[in-house]
Amino acid sequence: MVDRERRHTRDGANTVLEKMLNPAQIHALHELEHFGWRLKYVRKPLFQPAIPIVFDRAQERFAVIEDDGSVNDKPGFTLRP
C-alpha cells in the first residue's frame, strides 16, 4: 500500500471559511498571510455580511477584514479568551 501525500499548501478549514468571503476580502487575506497572519474564524451575524477575523503569528493581536478589503485592527469589539 502506498501512502498518499497529505501535505497541502492551504488548510482545508481555511478554504471552507474563505468561501464566506467576497473577492476583496480574499485578496486582503492572501496579502496578510505573507506577513504571518492567519484566518482564525468568520463571524456571521444574522442578516449581515460575514466578518473575517485574522490573528498575527503570535496569536496576540487580531484584526477584521472589512467588506472593501481594508484591515481594521480596532474593530470596536473584544473577543473572549
PDB file of N, CA and C in Angstrom:
ATOM      1  N   MET A   1       0.845  -1.179   0.000  1.00  0.00           N
ATOM      2  CA  MET A   1       0.000   0.000   0.000  1.00  0.00           C
ATOM      3  C   MET A   1       0.890   1.242   0.000  1.00  0.00           C
ATOM      4  N   VAL A   2       0.592   2.170  -0.854  1.00  0.00           N
ATOM      5  CA  VAL A   2       1.379   3.389  -0.987  1.00  0.00           C
ATOM      6  C   VAL A   2       0.673   4.515  -0.234  1.00  0.00           C
ATOM      7  N   ASP A   3       1.442   5.207   0.624  1.00  0.00           N
ATOM      8  CA  ASP A   3       0.881   6.353   1.346  1.00  0.00           C
ATOM      9  C   ASP A   3       0.731   7.525   0.402  1.00  0.00           C
ATOM     10  N   ARG A   4      -0.396   8.196   0.502  1.00  0.00           N
ATOM     11  CA  ARG A   4      -0.630   9.382  -0.319  1.00  0.00           C
ATOM     12  C   ARG A   4      -0.094  10.600   0.426  1.00  0.00           C
ATOM     13  N   GLU A   5       0.354  11.547  -0.337  1.00  0.00           N
ATOM     14  CA  GLU A   5       0.862  12.789   0.235  1.00  0.00           C
ATOM     15  C   GLU A   5      -0.277  13.521   0.934  1.00  0.00           C
ATOM     16  N   ARG A   6      -0.070  13.868   2.196  1.00  0.00           N
ATOM     17  CA  ARG A   6      -1.114  14.534   2.961  1.00  0.00           C
ATOM     18  C   ARG A   6      -0.859  16.021   3.153  1.00  0.00           C
ATOM     19  N   ARG A   7       0.324  16.469   2.810  1.00  0.00           N
ATOM     20  CA  ARG A   7       0.617  17.890   2.975  1.00  0.00           C
ATOM     21  C   ARG A   7      -0.056  18.675   1.866  1.00  0.00           C
ATOM     22  N   HIS A   8      -0.624  19.789   2.252  1.00  0.00           N
ATOM     23  CA  HIS A   8      -1.275  20.684   1.305  1.00  0.00           C
ATOM     24  C   HIS A   8      -0.765  22.091   1.565  1.00  0.00           C
ATOM     25  N   THR A   9      -0.863  22.929   0.564  1.00  0.00           N
ATOM     26  CA  THR A   9      -0.408  24.304   0.749  1.00  0.00           C
ATOM     27  C   THR A   9      -1.386  25.123   1.577  1.00  0.00           C
ATOM     28  N   ARG A  10      -2.658  24.780   1.554  1.00  0.00           N
ATOM     29  CA  ARG A  10      -3.666  25.531   2.293  1.00  0.00           C
ATOM     30  C   ARG A  10      -4.420  24.593   3.216  1.00  0.00           C
ATOM     31  N   ASP A  11      -4.773  25.092   4.371  1.00  0.00           N
ATOM     32  CA  ASP A  11      -5.536  24.318   5.341  1.00  0.00           C
ATOM     33  C   ASP A  11      -6.961  24.132   4.829  1.00  0.00           C
ATOM     34  N   GLY A  12      -7.487  22.955   4.962  1.00  0.00           N
ATOM     35  CA  GLY A  12      -8.831  22.661   4.484  1.00  0.00           C
ATOM     36  C   GLY A  12      -9.891  23.499   5.172  1.00  0.00           C
ATOM     37  N   ALA A  13      -9.720  23.752   6.482  1.00  0.00           N
ATOM     38  CA  ALA A  13     -10.692  24.558   7.207  1.00  0.00           C
ATOM     39  C   ALA A  13     -10.706  25.993   6.675  1.00  0.00           C
ATOM     40  N   ASN A  14      -9.536  26.514   6.324  1.00  0.00           N
ATOM     41  CA  ASN A  14      -9.481  27.878   5.808  1.00  0.00           C
ATOM     42  C   ASN A  14     -10.168  28.001   4.460  1.00  0.00           C
ATOM     43  N   THR A  15     -10.085  26.993   3.622  1.00  0.00           N
ATOM     44  CA  THR A  15     -10.756  27.084   2.324  1.00  0.00           C
ATOM     45  C   THR A  15     -12.264  27.113   2.510  1.00  0.00           C
ATOM     46  N   VAL A  16     -12.774  26.412   3.511  1.00  0.00           N
ATOM     47  CA  VAL A  16     -14.208  26.457   3.793  1.00  0.00           C
ATOM     48  C   VAL A  16     -14.599  27.847   4.268  1.00  0.00           C
ATOM     49  N   LEU A  17     -13.785  28.427   5.158  1.00  0.00           N
ATOM     50  CA  LEU A  17     -14.074  29.768   5.662  1.00  0.00           C
ATOM     51  C   LEU A  17     -13.967  30.808   4.557  1.00  0.00           C
ATOM     52  N   GLU A  18     -12.998  30.645   3.652  1.00  0.00           N
ATOM     53  CA  GLU A  18     -12.810  31.613   2.575  1.00  0.00           C
ATOM     54  C   GLU A  18     -14.019  31.683   1.649  1.00  0.00           C
ATOM     55  N   LYS A  19     -14.794  30.632   1.563  1.00  0.00           N
ATOM     56  CA  LYS A  19     -15.987  30.644   0.707  1.00  0.00           C
ATOM     57  C   LYS A  19     -17.033  31.632   1.199  1.00  0.00           C
ATOM     58  N   MET A  20     -16.920  32.046   2.449  1.00  0.00           N
ATOM     59  CA  MET A  20     -17.857  33.009   3.018  1.00  0.00           C
ATOM     60  C   MET A  20     -17.442  34.451   2.729  1.00  0.00           C
ATOM     61  N   LEU A  21     -16.243  34.657   2.163  1.00  0.00           N
ATOM     62  CA  LEU A  21     -15.697  35.998   1.951  1.00  0.00           C
ATOM     63  C   LEU A  21     -15.918  36.469   0.521  1.00  0.00           C
ATOM     64  N   ASN A  22     -15.905  37.785   0.342  1.00  0.00           N
ATOM     65  CA  ASN A  22     -16.002  38.343  -1.008  1.00  0.00           C
ATOM     66  C   ASN A  22     -14.589  38.441  -1.609  1.00  0.00           C
ATOM     67  N   PRO A  23     -14.473  38.711  -2.904  1.00  0.00           N
ATOM     68  CA  PRO A  23     -13.142  38.746  -3.536  1.00  0.00           C
ATOM     69  C   PRO A  23     -12.169  39.751  -2.916  1.00  0.00           C
ATOM     70  N   ALA A  24     -12.638  40.910  -2.495  1.00  0.00           N
ATOM     71  CA  ALA A  24     -11.751  41.902  -1.878  1.00  0.00           C
ATOM     72  C   ALA A  24     -11.200  41.383  -0.553  1.00  0.00           C
ATOM     73  N   GLN A  25     -12.022  40.709   0.229  1.00  0.00           N
ATOM     74  CA  GLN A  25     -11.575  40.152   1.499  1.00  0.00           C
ATOM     75  C   GLN A  25     -10.580  39.011   1.276  1.00  0.00           C
ATOM     76  N   ILE A  26     -10.821  38.184   0.278  1.00  0.00           N
ATOM     77  CA  ILE A  26      -9.909  37.084  -0.028  1.00  0.00           C
ATOM     78  C   ILE A  26      -8.549  37.622  -0.449  1.00  0.00           C
ATOM     79  N   HIS A  27      -8.554  38.660  -1.268  1.00  0.00           N
ATOM     80  CA  HIS A  27      -7.294  39.266  -1.702  1.00  0.00           C
ATOM     81  C   HIS A  27      -6.524  39.821  -0.497  1.00  0.00           C
ATOM     82  N   ALA A  28      -7.226  40.527   0.386  1.00  0.00           N
ATOM     83  CA  ALA A  28      -6.576  41.081   1.582  1.00  0.00           C
ATOM     84  C   ALA A  28      -6.048  39.961   2.473  1.00  0.00           C
ATOM     85  N   LEU A  29      -6.799  38.883   2.610  1.00  0.00           N
ATOM     86  CA  LEU A  29      -6.360  37.753   3.420  1.00  0.00           C
ATOM     87  C   LEU A  29      -5.073  37.155   2.878  1.00  0.00           C
ATOM     88  N   HIS A  30      -4.996  36.967   1.579  1.00  0.00           N
ATOM     89  CA  HIS A  30      -3.792  36.389   0.981  1.00  0.00           C
ATOM     90  C   HIS A  30      -2.585  37.312   1.166  1.00  0.00           C
ATOM     91  N   GLU A  31      -2.807  38.617   1.117  1.00  0.00           N
ATOM     92  CA  GLU A  31      -1.720  39.563   1.379  1.00  0.00           C
ATOM     93  C   GLU A  31      -1.263  39.474   2.836  1.00  0.00           C
ATOM     94  N   LEU A  32      -2.208  39.378   3.767  1.00  0.00           N
ATOM     95  CA  LEU A  32      -1.860  39.286   5.183  1.00  0.00           C
ATOM     96  C   LEU A  32      -1.132  37.987   5.506  1.00  0.00           C
ATOM     97  N   GLU A  33      -1.464  36.917   4.814  1.00  0.00           N
ATOM     98  CA  GLU A  33      -0.814  35.632   5.058  1.00  0.00           C
ATOM     99  C   GLU A  33       0.685  35.692   4.771  1.00  0.00           C
ATOM    100  N   HIS A  34       1.099  36.570   3.875  1.00  0.00           N
ATOM    101  CA  HIS A  34       2.530  36.745   3.607  1.00  0.00           C
ATOM    102  C   HIS A  34       3.278  37.293   4.822  1.00  0.00           C
ATOM    103  N   PHE A  35       2.542  37.959   5.717  1.00  0.00           N
ATOM    104  CA  PHE A  35       3.144  38.544   6.916  1.00  0.00           C
ATOM    105  C   PHE A  35       2.873  37.719   8.167  1.00  0.00           C
ATOM    106  N   GLY A  36       2.383  36.503   7.989  1.00  0.00           N
ATOM    107  CA  GLY A  36       2.184  35.606   9.114  1.00  0.00           C
ATOM    108  C   GLY A  36       0.807  35.634   9.745  1.00  0.00           C
ATOM    109  N   TRP A  37      -0.103  36.433   9.233  1.00  0.00           N
ATOM    110  CA  TRP A  37      -1.459  36.473   9.766  1.00  0.00           C
ATOM    111  C   TRP A  37      -2.241  35.283   9.238  1.00  0.00           C
ATOM    112  N   ARG A  38      -3.172  34.772  10.041  1.00  0.00           N
ATOM    113  CA  ARG A  38      -3.975  33.615   9.658  1.00  0.00           C
ATOM    114  C   ARG A  38      -5.443  33.872   9.959  1.00  0.00           C
ATOM    115  N   LEU A  39      -6.285  33.377   9.086  1.00  0.00           N
ATOM    116  CA  LEU A  39      -7.727  33.454   9.294  1.00  0.00           C
ATOM    117  C   LEU A  39      -8.093  32.475  10.393  1.00  0.00           C
ATOM    118  N   LYS A  40      -8.635  32.996  11.478  1.00  0.00           N
ATOM    119  CA  LYS A  40      -8.974  32.145  12.621  1.00  0.00           C
ATOM    120  C   LYS A  40     -10.422  31.685  12.526  1.00  0.00           C
ATOM    121  N   TYR A  41     -11.328  32.614  12.290  1.00  0.00           N
ATOM    122  CA  TYR A  41     -12.730  32.259  12.113  1.00  0.00           C
ATOM    123  C   TYR A  41     -13.461  33.398  11.433  1.00  0.00           C
ATOM    124  N   VAL A  42     -14.706  33.143  11.086  1.00  0.00           N
ATOM    125  CA  VAL A  42     -15.544  34.139  10.433  1.00  0.00           C
ATOM    126  C   VAL A  42     -16.819  34.280  11.258  1.00  0.00           C
ATOM    127  N   ARG A  43     -17.077  35.477  11.733  1.00  0.00           N
ATOM    128  CA  ARG A  43     -18.335  35.758  12.438  1.00  0.00           C
ATOM    129  C   ARG A  43     -19.416  35.946  11.388  1.00  0.00           C
ATOM    130  N   LYS A  44     -20.573  35.419  11.631  1.00  0.00           N
ATOM    131  CA  LYS A  44     -21.673  35.541  10.675  1.00  0.00           C
ATOM    132  C   LYS A  44     -22.910  36.011  11.421  1.00  0.00           C
ATOM    133  N   PRO A  45     -23.005  37.336  11.680  1.00  0.00           N
ATOM    134  CA  PRO A  45     -24.206  37.860  12.340  1.00  0.00           C
ATOM    135  C   PRO A  45     -25.434  37.659  11.448  1.00  0.00           C
ATOM    136  N   LEU A  46     -26.559  37.453  12.071  1.00  0.00           N
ATOM    137  CA  LEU A  46     -27.807  37.208  11.350  1.00  0.00           C
ATOM    138  C   LEU A  46     -28.153  38.388  10.436  1.00  0.00           C
ATOM    139  N   PHE A  47     -28.383  38.099   9.166  1.00  0.00           N
ATOM    140  CA  PHE A  47     -28.771  39.082   8.149  1.00  0.00           C
ATOM    141  C   PHE A  47     -27.727  40.166   7.910  1.00  0.00           C
ATOM    142  N   GLN A  48     -26.462  39.875   8.203  1.00  0.00           N
ATOM    143  CA  GLN A  48     -25.378  40.823   7.984  1.00  0.00           C
ATOM    144  C   GLN A  48     -24.244  40.123   7.256  1.00  0.00           C
ATOM    145  N   PRO A  49     -23.360  40.894   6.622  1.00  0.00           N
ATOM    146  CA  PRO A  49     -22.236  40.257   5.926  1.00  0.00           C
ATOM    147  C   PRO A  49     -21.268  39.576   6.892  1.00  0.00           C
ATOM    148  N   ALA A  50     -20.510  38.631   6.371  1.00  0.00           N
ATOM    149  CA  ALA A  50     -19.521  37.895   7.167  1.00  0.00           C
ATOM    150  C   ALA A  50     -18.410  38.832   7.628  1.00  0.00           C
ATOM    151  N   ILE A  51     -17.867  38.539   8.819  1.00  0.00           N
ATOM    152  CA  ILE A  51     -16.783  39.329   9.393  1.00  0.00           C
ATOM    153  C   ILE A  51     -15.596  38.398   9.630  1.00  0.00           C
ATOM    154  N   PRO A  52     -14.603  38.411   8.730  1.00  0.00           N
ATOM    155  CA  PRO A  52     -13.443  37.547   8.933  1.00  0.00           C
ATOM    156  C   PRO A  52     -12.502  38.115   9.992  1.00  0.00           C
ATOM    157  N   ILE A  53     -12.071  37.247  10.916  1.00  0.00           N
ATOM    158  CA  ILE A  53     -11.164  37.620  11.990  1.00  0.00           C
ATOM    159  C   ILE A  53      -9.822  36.944  11.729  1.00  0.00           C
ATOM    160  N   VAL A  54      -8.765  37.748  11.682  1.00  0.00           N
ATOM    161  CA  VAL A  54      -7.415  37.215  11.462  1.00  0.00           C
ATOM    162  C   VAL A  54      -6.560  37.509  12.695  1.00  0.00           C
ATOM    163  N   PHE A  55      -5.615  36.602  12.959  1.00  0.00           N
ATOM    164  CA  PHE A  55      -4.700  36.754  14.082  1.00  0.00           C
ATOM    165  C   PHE A  55      -3.274  36.783  13.567  1.00  0.00           C
ATOM    166  N   ASP A  56      -2.414  37.515  14.300  1.00  0.00           N
ATOM    167  CA  ASP A  56      -1.000  37.545  13.934  1.00  0.00           C
ATOM    168  C   ASP A  56      -0.341  36.215  14.304  1.00  0.00           C
ATOM    169  N   ARG A  57       0.894  36.078  13.906  1.00  0.00           N
ATOM    170  CA  ARG A  57       1.626  34.823  14.098  1.00  0.00           C
ATOM    171  C   ARG A  57       1.686  34.405  15.568  1.00  0.00           C
ATOM    172  N   ALA A  58       1.844  35.357  16.476  1.00  0.00           N
ATOM    173  CA  ALA A  58       1.956  35.064  17.905  1.00  0.00           C
ATOM    174  C   ALA A  58       0.600  34.898  18.584  1.00  0.00           C
ATOM    175  N   GLN A  59      -0.487  35.051  17.852  1.00  0.00           N
ATOM    176  CA  GLN A  59      -1.847  34.946  18.390  1.00  0.00           C
ATOM    177  C   GLN A  59      -2.109  35.974  19.486  1.00  0.00           C
ATOM    178  N   GLU A  60      -1.432  37.144  19.389  1.00  0.00           N
ATOM    179  CA  GLU A  60      -1.599  38.186  20.399  1.00  0.00           C
ATOM    180  C   GLU A  60      -2.530  39.299  19.940  1.00  0.00           C
ATOM    181  N   ARG A  61      -2.561  39.551  18.643  1.00  0.00           N
ATOM    182  CA  ARG A  61      -3.400  40.631  18.100  1.00  0.00           C
ATOM    183  C   ARG A  61      -4.361  40.058  17.085  1.00  0.00           C
ATOM    184  N   PHE A  62      -5.508  40.729  16.950  1.00  0.00           N
ATOM    185  CA  PHE A  62      -6.457  40.326  15.927  1.00  0.00           C
ATOM    186  C   PHE A  62      -6.911  41.544  15.148  1.00  0.00           C
ATOM    187  N   ALA A  63      -7.444  41.295  13.985  1.00  0.00           N
ATOM    188  CA  ALA A  63      -7.962  42.363  13.138  1.00  0.00           C
ATOM    189  C   ALA A  63      -9.140  41.816  12.337  1.00  0.00           C
ATOM    190  N   VAL A  64      -9.918  42.719  11.800  1.00  0.00           N
ATOM    191  CA  VAL A  64     -11.063  42.376  10.972  1.00  0.00           C
ATOM    192  C   VAL A  64     -10.766  42.822   9.541  1.00  0.00           C
ATOM    193  N   ILE A  65     -11.118  41.986   8.587  1.00  0.00           N
ATOM    194  CA  ILE A  65     -11.014  42.385   7.182  1.00  0.00           C
ATOM    195  C   ILE A  65     -12.394  42.887   6.770  1.00  0.00           C
ATOM    196  N   GLU A  66     -12.477  44.174   6.475  1.00  0.00           N
ATOM    197  CA  GLU A  66     -13.751  44.804   6.126  1.00  0.00           C
ATOM    198  C   GLU A  66     -14.219  44.359   4.735  1.00  0.00           C
ATOM    199  N   ASP A  67     -15.458  44.713   4.386  1.00  0.00           N
ATOM    200  CA  ASP A  67     -16.043  44.327   3.095  1.00  0.00           C
ATOM    201  C   ASP A  67     -15.236  44.827   1.906  1.00  0.00           C
ATOM    202  N   ASP A  68     -14.607  45.992   2.041  1.00  0.00           N
ATOM    203  CA  ASP A  68     -13.842  46.559   0.929  1.00  0.00           C
ATOM    204  C   ASP A  68     -12.405  46.047   0.870  1.00  0.00           C
ATOM    205  N   GLY A  69     -12.026  45.149   1.795  1.00  0.00           N
ATOM    206  CA  GLY A  69     -10.687  44.591   1.811  1.00  0.00           C
ATOM    207  C   GLY A  69      -9.724  45.317   2.732  1.00  0.00           C
ATOM    208  N   SER A  70     -10.165  46.380   3.349  1.00  0.00           N
ATOM    209  CA  SER A  70      -9.295  47.089   4.284  1.00  0.00           C
ATOM    210  C   SER A  70      -9.202  46.303   5.595  1.00  0.00           C
ATOM    211  N   VAL A  71      -8.128  46.546   6.328  1.00  0.00           N
ATOM    212  CA  VAL A  71      -7.886  45.833   7.585  1.00  0.00           C
ATOM    213  C   VAL A  71      -8.135  46.788   8.739  1.00  0.00           C
ATOM    214  N   ASN A  72      -8.976  46.380   9.662  1.00  0.00           N
ATOM    215  CA  ASN A  72      -9.336  47.186  10.814  1.00  0.00           C
ATOM    216  C   ASN A  72      -8.781  46.511  12.062  1.00  0.00           C
ATOM    217  N   ASP A  73      -7.743  47.097  12.666  1.00  0.00           N
ATOM    218  CA  ASP A  73      -7.163  46.499  13.861  1.00  0.00           C
ATOM    219  C   ASP A  73      -7.808  47.000  15.150  1.00  0.00           C
ATOM    220  N   LYS A  74      -8.794  47.889  15.021  1.00  0.00           N
ATOM    221  CA  LYS A  74      -9.570  48.353  16.174  1.00  0.00           C
ATOM    222  C   LYS A  74     -11.055  48.274  15.807  1.00  0.00           C
ATOM    223  N   PRO A  75     -11.595  47.038  15.765  1.00  0.00           N
ATOM    224  CA  PRO A  75     -12.955  46.858  15.250  1.00  0.00           C
ATOM    225  C   PRO A  75     -14.082  47.297  16.167  1.00  0.00           C
ATOM    226  N   GLY A  76     -13.803  47.644  17.412  1.00  0.00           N
ATOM    227  CA  GLY A  76     -14.865  48.113  18.289  1.00  0.00           C
ATOM    228  C   GLY A  76     -15.519  47.005  19.114  1.00  0.00           C
ATOM    229  N   PHE A  77     -14.944  45.824  19.106  1.00  0.00           N
ATOM    230  CA  PHE A  77     -15.423  44.745  19.959  1.00  0.00           C
ATOM    231  C   PHE A  77     -14.226  43.942  20.449  1.00  0.00           C
ATOM    232  N   THR A  78     -14.438  43.197  21.519  1.00  0.00           N
ATOM    233  CA  THR A  78     -13.373  42.352  22.060  1.00  0.00           C
ATOM    234  C   THR A  78     -13.765  40.895  21.869  1.00  0.00           C
ATOM    235  N   LEU A  79     -12.772  40.038  21.923  1.00  0.00           N
ATOM    236  CA  LEU A  79     -13.007  38.614  21.770  1.00  0.00           C
ATOM    237  C   LEU A  79     -12.804  37.923  23.107  1.00  0.00           C
ATOM    238  N   ARG A  80     -13.563  36.884  23.315  1.00  0.00           N
ATOM    239  CA  ARG A  80     -13.372  36.089  24.545  1.00  0.00           C
ATOM    240  C   ARG A  80     -12.057  35.342  24.463  1.00  0.00           C
ATOM    241  N   PRO A  81     -11.381  35.176  25.606  1.00  0.00           N
ATOM    242  CA  PRO A  81     -10.105  34.444  25.589  1.00  0.00           C
ATOM    243  C   PRO A  81     -10.292  32.957  25.328  1.00  0.00           C
TER     244      PRO A  81
END
